[in-house]
PDB file of N, CA and C in Angstrom:
ATOM      1  N   UNK A   1      19.604  -3.628  10.911  1.00  0.00           N
ATOM      2  CA  UNK A   1      19.187  -4.790  10.165  1.00  0.00           C
ATOM      3  C   UNK A   1      17.670  -4.881  10.226  1.00  0.00           C
ATOM      4  N   UNK A   2      17.072  -5.274   9.122  1.00  0.00           N
ATOM      5  CA  UNK A   2      15.619  -5.378   9.034  1.00  0.00           C
ATOM      6  C   UNK A   2      15.216  -6.803   8.671  1.00  0.00           C
ATOM      7  N   UNK A   3      13.918  -7.016   8.498  1.00  0.00           N
ATOM      8  CA  UNK A   3      13.400  -8.333   8.135  1.00  0.00           C
ATOM      9  C   UNK A   3      12.534  -8.191   6.884  1.00  0.00           C
ATOM     10  N   UNK A   4      12.281  -9.278   6.173  1.00  0.00           N
ATOM     11  CA  UNK A   4      11.408  -9.193   4.991  1.00  0.00           C
ATOM     12  C   UNK A   4      10.011  -8.661   5.329  1.00  0.00           C
ATOM     13  N   UNK A   5       9.511  -9.001   6.507  1.00  0.00           N
ATOM     14  CA  UNK A   5       8.191  -8.532   6.918  1.00  0.00           C
ATOM     15  C   UNK A   5       8.166  -7.015   7.084  1.00  0.00           C
ATOM     16  N   UNK A   6       9.208  -6.467   7.710  1.00  0.00           N
ATOM     17  CA  UNK A   6       9.284  -5.017   7.889  1.00  0.00           C
ATOM     18  C   UNK A   6       9.474  -4.330   6.539  1.00  0.00           C
ATOM     19  N   UNK A   7      10.299  -4.902   5.685  1.00  0.00           N
ATOM     20  CA  UNK A   7      10.488  -4.335   4.345  1.00  0.00           C
ATOM     21  C   UNK A   7       9.164  -4.293   3.574  1.00  0.00           C
ATOM     22  N   UNK A   8       8.363  -5.358   3.688  1.00  0.00           N
ATOM     23  CA  UNK A   8       7.065  -5.409   3.009  1.00  0.00           C
ATOM     24  C   UNK A   8       6.135  -4.334   3.550  1.00  0.00           C
ATOM     25  N   UNK A   9       6.137  -4.153   4.858  1.00  0.00           N
ATOM     26  CA  UNK A   9       5.280  -3.143   5.479  1.00  0.00           C
ATOM     27  C   UNK A   9       5.658  -1.739   5.017  1.00  0.00           C
ATOM     28  N   UNK A  10       6.935  -1.452   4.937  1.00  0.00           N
ATOM     29  CA  UNK A  10       7.398  -0.148   4.447  1.00  0.00           C
ATOM     30  C   UNK A  10       6.938   0.055   3.008  1.00  0.00           C
ATOM     31  N   UNK A  11       7.104  -0.947   2.166  1.00  0.00           N
ATOM     32  CA  UNK A  11       6.712  -0.831   0.758  1.00  0.00           C
ATOM     33  C   UNK A  11       5.210  -0.589   0.616  1.00  0.00           C
ATOM     34  N   UNK A  12       4.412  -1.284   1.402  1.00  0.00           N
ATOM     35  CA  UNK A  12       2.961  -1.091   1.364  1.00  0.00           C
ATOM     36  C   UNK A  12       2.616   0.335   1.790  1.00  0.00           C
ATOM     37  N   UNK A  13       3.252   0.801   2.860  1.00  0.00           N
ATOM     38  CA  UNK A  13       2.999   2.166   3.326  1.00  0.00           C
ATOM     39  C   UNK A  13       3.408   3.208   2.303  1.00  0.00           C
ATOM     40  N   UNK A  14       4.551   3.026   1.682  1.00  0.00           N
ATOM     41  CA  UNK A  14       5.024   3.989   0.690  1.00  0.00           C
ATOM     42  C   UNK A  14       4.086   4.068  -0.507  1.00  0.00           C
ATOM     43  N   UNK A  15       3.373   2.994  -0.809  1.00  0.00           N
ATOM     44  CA  UNK A  15       2.457   2.972  -1.948  1.00  0.00           C
ATOM     45  C   UNK A  15       1.074   3.532  -1.622  1.00  0.00           C
ATOM     46  N   UNK A  16       0.777   3.745  -0.345  1.00  0.00           N
ATOM     47  CA  UNK A  16      -0.552   4.223   0.041  1.00  0.00           C
ATOM     48  C   UNK A  16      -0.706   5.707  -0.300  1.00  0.00           C
ATOM     49  N   UNK A  17      -1.829   6.109  -0.911  1.00  0.00           N
ATOM     50  CA  UNK A  17      -2.000   7.500  -1.323  1.00  0.00           C
ATOM     51  C   UNK A  17      -2.074   8.504  -0.171  1.00  0.00           C
ATOM     52  N   UNK A  18      -2.421   8.058   1.029  1.00  0.00           N
ATOM     53  CA  UNK A  18      -2.513   8.969   2.173  1.00  0.00           C
ATOM     54  C   UNK A  18      -1.229   9.045   2.990  1.00  0.00           C
ATOM     55  N   UNK A  19      -0.217   8.298   2.597  1.00  0.00           N
ATOM     56  CA  UNK A  19       1.039   8.264   3.348  1.00  0.00           C
ATOM     57  C   UNK A  19       2.092   9.096   2.616  1.00  0.00           C
ATOM     58  N   UNK A  20       2.687  10.041   3.353  1.00  0.00           N
ATOM     59  CA  UNK A  20       3.731  10.907   2.792  1.00  0.00           C
ATOM     60  C   UNK A  20       5.104  10.252   2.855  1.00  0.00           C
ATOM     61  N   UNK A  21       5.302   9.353   3.794  1.00  0.00           N
ATOM     62  CA  UNK A  21       6.578   8.687   3.937  1.00  0.00           C
ATOM     63  C   UNK A  21       6.469   7.522   4.899  1.00  0.00           C
ATOM     64  N   UNK A  22       7.274   6.493   4.658  1.00  0.00           N
ATOM     65  CA  UNK A  22       7.298   5.312   5.523  1.00  0.00           C
ATOM     66  C   UNK A  22       8.719   4.791   5.541  1.00  0.00           C
ATOM     67  N   UNK A  23       9.182   4.427   6.733  1.00  0.00           N
ATOM     68  CA  UNK A  23      10.527   3.857   6.829  1.00  0.00           C
ATOM     69  C   UNK A  23      10.653   3.028   8.092  1.00  0.00           C
ATOM     70  N   UNK A  24      11.641   2.148   8.055  1.00  0.00           N
ATOM     71  CA  UNK A  24      11.957   1.348   9.221  1.00  0.00           C
ATOM     72  C   UNK A  24      12.767   2.213  10.166  1.00  0.00           C
ATOM     73  N   UNK A  25      12.539   2.015  11.441  1.00  0.00           N
ATOM     74  CA  UNK A  25      13.328   2.703  12.456  1.00  0.00           C
ATOM     75  C   UNK A  25      13.679   1.695  13.535  1.00  0.00           C
ATOM     76  N   UNK A  26      14.713   1.978  14.267  1.00  0.00           N
ATOM     77  CA  UNK A  26      15.167   1.022  15.273  1.00  0.00           C
ATOM     78  C   UNK A  26      15.913  -0.100  14.587  1.00  0.00           C
ATOM     79  N   UNK A  27      16.117  -1.133  15.271  1.00  0.00           N
ATOM     80  CA  UNK A  27      16.833  -2.264  14.689  1.00  0.00           C
ATOM     81  C   UNK A  27      16.922  -3.370  15.705  1.00  0.00           C
ATOM     82  N   UNK A  28      17.878  -4.181  15.562  1.00  0.00           N
ATOM     83  CA  UNK A  28      18.063  -5.269  16.519  1.00  0.00           C
ATOM     84  C   UNK A  28      17.151  -6.430  16.208  1.00  0.00           C
ATOM     85  N   UNK A  29      15.897  -6.328  16.592  1.00  0.00           N
ATOM     86  CA  UNK A  29      14.936  -7.406  16.371  1.00  0.00           C
ATOM     87  C   UNK A  29      14.058  -7.118  15.161  1.00  0.00           C
ATOM     88  N   UNK A  30      14.551  -6.358  14.208  1.00  0.00           N
ATOM     89  CA  UNK A  30      13.793  -6.059  13.000  1.00  0.00           C
ATOM     90  C   UNK A  30      13.254  -4.659  12.978  1.00  0.00           C
ATOM     91  N   UNK A  31      13.217  -3.980  14.115  1.00  0.00           N
ATOM     92  CA  UNK A  31      12.762  -2.601  14.151  1.00  0.00           C
ATOM     93  C   UNK A  31      11.257  -2.474  14.058  1.00  0.00           C
ATOM     94  N   UNK A  32      10.823  -1.274  13.736  1.00  0.00           N
ATOM     95  CA  UNK A  32       9.414  -0.999  13.542  1.00  0.00           C
ATOM     96  C   UNK A  32       9.303  -0.015  12.387  1.00  0.00           C
ATOM     97  N   UNK A  33       8.100   0.327  12.021  1.00  0.00           N
ATOM     98  CA  UNK A  33       7.875   1.215  10.892  1.00  0.00           C
ATOM     99  C   UNK A  33       7.164   2.471  11.384  1.00  0.00           C
ATOM    100  N   UNK A  34       7.633   3.617  10.920  1.00  0.00           N
ATOM    101  CA  UNK A  34       6.988   4.899  11.184  1.00  0.00           C
ATOM    102  C   UNK A  34       6.483   5.424   9.853  1.00  0.00           C
ATOM    103  N   UNK A  35       5.221   5.857   9.838  1.00  0.00           N
ATOM    104  CA  UNK A  35       4.627   6.408   8.623  1.00  0.00           C
ATOM    105  C   UNK A  35       3.994   7.749   8.943  1.00  0.00           C
ATOM    106  N   UNK A  36       4.113   8.683   8.019  1.00  0.00           N
ATOM    107  CA  UNK A  36       3.477   9.991   8.154  1.00  0.00           C
ATOM    108  C   UNK A  36       2.334  10.056   7.156  1.00  0.00           C
ATOM    109  N   UNK A  37       1.134  10.356   7.669  1.00  0.00           N
ATOM    110  CA  UNK A  37      -0.056  10.363   6.818  1.00  0.00           C
ATOM    111  C   UNK A  37      -0.679  11.754   6.779  1.00  0.00           C
ATOM    112  N   UNK A  38      -1.531  11.948   5.791  1.00  0.00           N
ATOM    113  CA  UNK A  38      -2.270  13.200   5.660  1.00  0.00           C
ATOM    114  C   UNK A  38      -3.095  13.431   6.930  1.00  0.00           C
ATOM    115  N   UNK A  39      -3.274  14.687   7.324  1.00  0.00           N
ATOM    116  CA  UNK A  39      -4.051  14.988   8.536  1.00  0.00           C
ATOM    117  C   UNK A  39      -5.437  14.334   8.499  1.00  0.00           C
ATOM    118  N   UNK A  40      -5.772  13.652   9.583  1.00  0.00           N
ATOM    119  CA  UNK A  40      -7.059  12.998   9.703  1.00  0.00           C
ATOM    120  C   UNK A  40      -7.197  11.698   8.918  1.00  0.00           C
ATOM    121  N   UNK A  41      -6.139  11.261   8.254  1.00  0.00           N
ATOM    122  CA  UNK A  41      -6.204  10.064   7.419  1.00  0.00           C
ATOM    123  C   UNK A  41      -5.352   8.914   7.956  1.00  0.00           C
ATOM    124  N   UNK A  42      -4.684   9.123   9.076  1.00  0.00           N
ATOM    125  CA  UNK A  42      -3.770   8.116   9.612  1.00  0.00           C
ATOM    126  C   UNK A  42      -4.425   6.790   9.934  1.00  0.00           C
ATOM    127  N   UNK A  43      -5.523   6.823  10.654  1.00  0.00           N
ATOM    128  CA  UNK A  43      -6.171   5.566  11.042  1.00  0.00           C
ATOM    129  C   UNK A  43      -6.707   4.838   9.810  1.00  0.00           C
ATOM    130  N   UNK A  44      -7.335   5.553   8.898  1.00  0.00           N
ATOM    131  CA  UNK A  44      -7.879   4.929   7.692  1.00  0.00           C
ATOM    132  C   UNK A  44      -6.763   4.292   6.866  1.00  0.00           C
ATOM    133  N   UNK A  45      -5.670   5.022   6.692  1.00  0.00           N
ATOM    134  CA  UNK A  45      -4.526   4.481   5.947  1.00  0.00           C
ATOM    135  C   UNK A  45      -3.973   3.255   6.662  1.00  0.00           C
ATOM    136  N   UNK A  46      -3.829   3.337   7.977  1.00  0.00           N
ATOM    137  CA  UNK A  46      -3.279   2.216   8.743  1.00  0.00           C
ATOM    138  C   UNK A  46      -4.143   0.971   8.609  1.00  0.00           C
ATOM    139  N   UNK A  47      -5.453   1.144   8.643  1.00  0.00           N
ATOM    140  CA  UNK A  47      -6.345  -0.004   8.523  1.00  0.00           C
ATOM    141  C   UNK A  47      -6.216  -0.652   7.146  1.00  0.00           C
ATOM    142  N   UNK A  48      -6.091   0.163   6.105  1.00  0.00           N
ATOM    143  CA  UNK A  48      -5.877  -0.365   4.749  1.00  0.00           C
ATOM    144  C   UNK A  48      -4.547  -1.109   4.657  1.00  0.00           C
ATOM    145  N   UNK A  49      -3.523  -0.502   5.225  1.00  0.00           N
ATOM    146  CA  UNK A  49      -2.172  -1.067   5.170  1.00  0.00           C
ATOM    147  C   UNK A  49      -2.102  -2.398   5.908  1.00  0.00           C
ATOM    148  N   UNK A  50      -2.750  -2.496   7.068  1.00  0.00           N
ATOM    149  CA  UNK A  50      -2.728  -3.741   7.843  1.00  0.00           C
ATOM    150  C   UNK A  50      -3.402  -4.873   7.064  1.00  0.00           C
ATOM    151  N   UNK A  51      -4.489  -4.574   6.355  1.00  0.00           N
ATOM    152  CA  UNK A  51      -5.154  -5.605   5.551  1.00  0.00           C
ATOM    153  C   UNK A  51      -4.216  -6.089   4.446  1.00  0.00           C
ATOM    154  N   UNK A  52      -3.571  -5.167   3.750  1.00  0.00           N
ATOM    155  CA  UNK A  52      -2.635  -5.549   2.683  1.00  0.00           C
ATOM    156  C   UNK A  52      -1.452  -6.334   3.250  1.00  0.00           C
ATOM    157  N   UNK A  53      -0.957  -5.890   4.393  1.00  0.00           N
ATOM    158  CA  UNK A  53       0.165  -6.573   5.047  1.00  0.00           C
ATOM    159  C   UNK A  53      -0.219  -8.012   5.388  1.00  0.00           C
ATOM    160  N   UNK A  54      -1.388  -8.189   5.967  1.00  0.00           N
ATOM    161  CA  UNK A  54      -1.846  -9.526   6.331  1.00  0.00           C
ATOM    162  C   UNK A  54      -1.973 -10.405   5.089  1.00  0.00           C
ATOM    163  N   UNK A  55      -2.515  -9.844   4.007  1.00  0.00           N
ATOM    164  CA  UNK A  55      -2.661 -10.609   2.767  1.00  0.00           C
ATOM    165  C   UNK A  55      -1.308 -11.010   2.185  1.00  0.00           C
ATOM    166  N   UNK A  56      -0.334 -10.112   2.213  1.00  0.00           N
ATOM    167  CA  UNK A  56       0.970 -10.377   1.600  1.00  0.00           C
ATOM    168  C   UNK A  56       1.887 -11.230   2.462  1.00  0.00           C
ATOM    169  N   UNK A  57       1.877 -10.964   3.764  1.00  0.00           N
ATOM    170  CA  UNK A  57       2.864 -11.587   4.654  1.00  0.00           C
ATOM    171  C   UNK A  57       2.254 -12.682   5.526  1.00  0.00           C
ATOM    172  N   UNK A  58       0.948 -12.604   5.756  1.00  0.00           N
ATOM    173  CA  UNK A  58       0.298 -13.596   6.596  1.00  0.00           C
ATOM    174  C   UNK A  58       0.443 -13.333   8.084  1.00  0.00           C
ATOM    175  N   UNK A  59       0.793 -12.102   8.430  1.00  0.00           N
ATOM    176  CA  UNK A  59       0.915 -11.725   9.844  1.00  0.00           C
ATOM    177  C   UNK A  59       0.039 -10.515  10.098  1.00  0.00           C
ATOM    178  N   UNK A  60      -0.424 -10.368  11.321  1.00  0.00           N
ATOM    179  CA  UNK A  60      -1.269  -9.238  11.678  1.00  0.00           C
ATOM    180  C   UNK A  60      -0.421  -8.143  12.299  1.00  0.00           C
ATOM    181  N   UNK A  61      -0.500  -6.951  11.738  1.00  0.00           N
ATOM    182  CA  UNK A  61       0.238  -5.812  12.271  1.00  0.00           C
ATOM    183  C   UNK A  61      -0.529  -5.112  13.383  1.00  0.00           C
ATOM    184  N   UNK A  62       0.156  -4.282  14.127  1.00  0.00           N
ATOM    185  CA  UNK A  62      -0.461  -3.462  15.174  1.00  0.00           C
ATOM    186  C   UNK A  62      -0.485  -2.016  14.716  1.00  0.00           C
ATOM    187  N   UNK A  63      -1.564  -1.330  15.036  1.00  0.00           N
ATOM    188  CA  UNK A  63      -1.717   0.069  14.646  1.00  0.00           C
ATOM    189  C   UNK A  63      -1.596   0.946  15.880  1.00  0.00           C
ATOM    190  N   UNK A  64      -0.692   1.912  15.817  1.00  0.00           N
ATOM    191  CA  UNK A  64      -0.556   2.915  16.866  1.00  0.00           C
ATOM    192  C   UNK A  64      -0.685   4.280  16.198  1.00  0.00           C
ATOM    193  N   UNK A  65      -1.796   4.961  16.433  1.00  0.00           N
ATOM    194  CA  UNK A  65      -2.025   6.270  15.823  1.00  0.00           C
ATOM    195  C   UNK A  65      -2.065   7.297  16.948  1.00  0.00           C
ATOM    196  N   UNK A  66      -1.187   8.306  16.895  1.00  0.00           N
ATOM    197  CA  UNK A  66      -1.206   9.325  17.942  1.00  0.00           C
ATOM    198  C   UNK A  66      -2.487  10.143  17.872  1.00  0.00           C
ATOM    199  N   UNK A  67      -2.881  10.684  19.014  1.00  0.00           N
ATOM    200  CA  UNK A  67      -4.067  11.540  19.058  1.00  0.00           C
ATOM    201  C   UNK A  67      -3.770  12.824  18.276  1.00  0.00           C
ATOM    202  N   UNK A  68      -4.791  13.307  17.581  1.00  0.00           N
ATOM    203  CA  UNK A  68      -4.646  14.560  16.854  1.00  0.00           C
ATOM    204  C   UNK A  68      -4.823  15.719  17.804  1.00  0.00           C
ATOM    205  N   UNK A  69      -4.098  16.799  17.533  1.00  0.00           N
ATOM    206  CA  UNK A  69      -4.189  18.003  18.321  1.00  0.00           C
ATOM    207  C   UNK A  69      -5.503  18.699  18.006  1.00  0.00           C
ATOM    208  N   UNK A  70      -6.327  18.976  19.010  1.00  0.00           N
ATOM    209  CA  UNK A  70      -7.639  19.586  18.782  1.00  0.00           C
ATOM    210  C   UNK A  70      -7.586  21.111  18.838  1.00  0.00           C
ATOM    211  N   UNK A  71      -6.417  21.689  19.099  1.00  0.00           N
ATOM    212  CA  UNK A  71      -6.365  23.155  19.197  1.00  0.00           C
ATOM    213  C   UNK A  71      -5.999  23.799  17.896  1.00  0.00           C
TER     214      UNK A  71
END
């Protein structure tokens, strides 16, 4: 089960040009969203998405971007 806020976040992510895919994962308390972005573009995309999310939903999202492999 998901929430309108999570659904909105997925839709915003799916519309972002640097995001290859976005979906809700987990459940119970609404779950969370996982997005796959172009290499080196994750943080920039996330920052754009959080601004749009805040404008649409009125809530502030959290950004978790994994470290890129330097090898």
